[in-house]
Amino acid sequence: MSTSSANVLGTRIDAVSWEQASVRILRWAQAGGAVASRMVCACNVHMVVSARRDPELASALRQADLCTPDGAPIAWLMRRQGWPEQQRIS
């Protein structure tokens, strides 16, 4: 399942609704051992700014299966970048 994403200070943040994120995570959980582990990151401003200074954190976020906008400023910026309905997904 592909998603649209925003670039927030160099970090990919997926543009998803609560329903889309929930469905995706539940599908991964239901697949159980049939697929590799998944990583979901709820990204707030602190995490995004820290990733600019910490290459290991930046790498982990790039490898994440889903990065959600967990913070009003992140969701606000995404709305300004073209996702007018983006909510905070914590």
C-alpha atoms as a PDB file:
ATOM      1  CA  MET A   1       0.000   0.000   0.000  1.00  0.00           C
ATOM      2  CA  SER A   2       1.627   3.236  -1.073  1.00  0.00           C
ATOM      3  CA  THR A   3       1.140   6.546   0.601  1.00  0.00           C
ATOM      4  CA  SER A   4       1.809  10.142  -0.080  1.00  0.00           C
ATOM      5  CA  SER A   5       4.310  11.790   2.155  1.00  0.00           C
ATOM      6  CA  ALA A   6       5.648  15.175   3.094  1.00  0.00           C
ATOM      7  CA  ASN A   7       9.243  16.158   3.614  1.00  0.00           C
ATOM      8  CA  VAL A   8       9.450  17.842   7.009  1.00  0.00           C
ATOM      9  CA  LEU A   9      12.976  19.149   7.611  1.00  0.00           C
ATOM     10  CA  GLY A  10      14.370  16.166   5.730  1.00  0.00           C
ATOM     11  CA  THR A  11      12.177  13.534   7.376  1.00  0.00           C
ATOM     12  CA  ARG A  12       9.501  11.646   5.441  1.00  0.00           C
ATOM     13  CA  ILE A  13       6.148  11.953   7.184  1.00  0.00           C
ATOM     14  CA  ASP A  14       3.336   9.879   5.713  1.00  0.00           C
ATOM     15  CA  ALA A  15       0.098  11.645   4.855  1.00  0.00           C
ATOM     16  CA  VAL A  16      -2.479   9.292   6.332  1.00  0.00           C
ATOM     17  CA  SER A  17      -5.781   9.526   8.132  1.00  0.00           C
ATOM     18  CA  TRP A  18      -6.499   7.819  11.434  1.00  0.00           C
ATOM     19  CA  GLU A  19      -8.473   5.194   9.526  1.00  0.00           C
ATOM     20  CA  GLN A  20      -5.705   4.558   6.971  1.00  0.00           C
ATOM     21  CA  ALA A  21      -3.044   4.257   9.658  1.00  0.00           C
ATOM     22  CA  SER A  22      -5.228   1.965  11.791  1.00  0.00           C
ATOM     23  CA  VAL A  23      -6.108  -0.311   8.880  1.00  0.00           C
ATOM     24  CA  ARG A  24      -2.491  -0.584   7.800  1.00  0.00           C
ATOM     25  CA  ILE A  25      -1.237  -1.379  11.303  1.00  0.00           C
ATOM     26  CA  LEU A  26      -4.017  -3.919  11.893  1.00  0.00           C
ATOM     27  CA  ARG A  27      -3.226  -5.663   8.592  1.00  0.00           C
ATOM     28  CA  TRP A  28       0.411  -5.904   9.582  1.00  0.00           C
ATOM     29  CA  ALA A  29      -0.553  -7.309  12.981  1.00  0.00           C
ATOM     30  CA  GLN A  30      -2.960  -9.837  11.460  1.00  0.00           C
ATOM     31  CA  ALA A  31      -0.257 -11.034   9.061  1.00  0.00           C
ATOM     32  CA  GLY A  32       1.720 -12.042  12.152  1.00  0.00           C
ATOM     33  CA  GLY A  33       4.791 -14.107  11.409  1.00  0.00           C
ATOM     34  CA  ALA A  34       4.021 -14.173   7.681  1.00  0.00           C
ATOM     35  CA  VAL A  35       5.919 -10.923   7.200  1.00  0.00           C
ATOM     36  CA  ALA A  36       8.927  -9.287   8.727  1.00  0.00           C
ATOM     37  CA  SER A  37       8.552  -6.960  11.681  1.00  0.00           C
ATOM     38  CA  ARG A  38       7.255  -3.470  11.001  1.00  0.00           C
ATOM     39  CA  MET A  39       8.258  -0.165  12.528  1.00  0.00           C
ATOM     40  CA  VAL A  40       5.845   2.720  13.058  1.00  0.00           C
ATOM     41  CA  CYS A  41       7.187   6.064  14.262  1.00  0.00           C
ATOM     42  CA  ALA A  42       4.944   8.791  15.633  1.00  0.00           C
ATOM     43  CA  CYS A  43       7.038  11.846  14.748  1.00  0.00           C
ATOM     44  CA  ASN A  44       6.766  15.066  16.704  1.00  0.00           C
ATOM     45  CA  VAL A  45       8.816  18.239  16.247  1.00  0.00           C
ATOM     46  CA  HIS A  46      11.501  17.110  18.696  1.00  0.00           C
ATOM     47  CA  MET A  47      12.042  13.880  16.767  1.00  0.00           C
ATOM     48  CA  VAL A  48      12.226  15.619  13.384  1.00  0.00           C
ATOM     49  CA  VAL A  49      14.696  18.244  14.645  1.00  0.00           C
ATOM     50  CA  SER A  50      16.762  15.575  16.414  1.00  0.00           C
ATOM     51  CA  ALA A  51      16.951  13.541  13.196  1.00  0.00           C
ATOM     52  CA  ARG A  52      18.685  16.488  11.507  1.00  0.00           C
ATOM     53  CA  ARG A  53      21.511  16.200  14.051  1.00  0.00           C
ATOM     54  CA  ASP A  54      21.538  12.450  14.630  1.00  0.00           C
ATOM     55  CA  PRO A  55      22.357  10.312  11.571  1.00  0.00           C
ATOM     56  CA  GLU A  56      21.289   7.096  13.330  1.00  0.00           C
ATOM     57  CA  LEU A  57      17.854   8.493  14.156  1.00  0.00           C
ATOM     58  CA  ALA A  58      17.508   9.860  10.610  1.00  0.00           C
ATOM     59  CA  SER A  59      18.384   6.423   9.233  1.00  0.00           C
ATOM     60  CA  ALA A  60      15.844   4.709  11.493  1.00  0.00           C
ATOM     61  CA  LEU A  61      13.120   7.095  10.354  1.00  0.00           C
ATOM     62  CA  ARG A  62      13.994   6.503   6.693  1.00  0.00           C
ATOM     63  CA  GLN A  63      13.687   2.761   7.253  1.00  0.00           C
ATOM     64  CA  ALA A  64      10.388   2.975   9.139  1.00  0.00           C
ATOM     65  CA  ASP A  65       7.354   1.445   7.481  1.00  0.00           C
ATOM     66  CA  LEU A  66       5.130   4.291   8.624  1.00  0.00           C
ATOM     67  CA  CYS A  67       5.964   7.738  10.039  1.00  0.00           C
ATOM     68  CA  THR A  68       2.915   9.577  11.314  1.00  0.00           C
ATOM     69  CA  PRO A  69       2.592  13.282  12.154  1.00  0.00           C
ATOM     70  CA  ASP A  70       2.427  13.156  15.958  1.00  0.00           C
ATOM     71  CA  GLY A  71       2.345  16.819  16.757  1.00  0.00           C
ATOM     72  CA  ALA A  72       0.178  19.759  15.815  1.00  0.00           C
ATOM     73  CA  PRO A  73       3.091  21.655  14.181  1.00  0.00           C
ATOM     74  CA  ILE A  74       3.914  18.672  11.960  1.00  0.00           C
ATOM     75  CA  ALA A  75       0.264  18.237  10.899  1.00  0.00           C
ATOM     76  CA  TRP A  76      -0.042  22.003  10.346  1.00  0.00           C
ATOM     77  CA  LEU A  77       3.030  22.048   8.097  1.00  0.00           C
ATOM     78  CA  MET A  78       1.688  19.080   6.129  1.00  0.00           C
ATOM     79  CA  ARG A  79      -1.608  20.922   5.608  1.00  0.00           C
ATOM     80  CA  ARG A  80       0.395  23.856   4.239  1.00  0.00           C
ATOM     81  CA  GLN A  81       2.294  21.473   1.944  1.00  0.00           C
ATOM     82  CA  GLY A  82      -0.868  20.161   0.289  1.00  0.00           C
ATOM     83  CA  TRP A  83      -2.654  17.754   2.624  1.00  0.00           C
ATOM     84  CA  PRO A  84      -5.485  20.021   3.844  1.00  0.00           C
ATOM     85  CA  GLU A  85      -7.165  17.318   5.930  1.00  0.00           C
ATOM     86  CA  GLN A  86      -4.038  16.060   7.711  1.00  0.00           C
ATOM     87  CA  GLN A  87      -4.606  15.468  11.402  1.00  0.00           C
ATOM     88  CA  ARG A  88      -2.219  14.691  14.190  1.00  0.00           C
ATOM     89  CA  ILE A  89      -1.826  10.893  14.270  1.00  0.00           C
ATOM     90  CA  SER A  90      -0.282   9.929  17.601  1.00  0.00           C
END
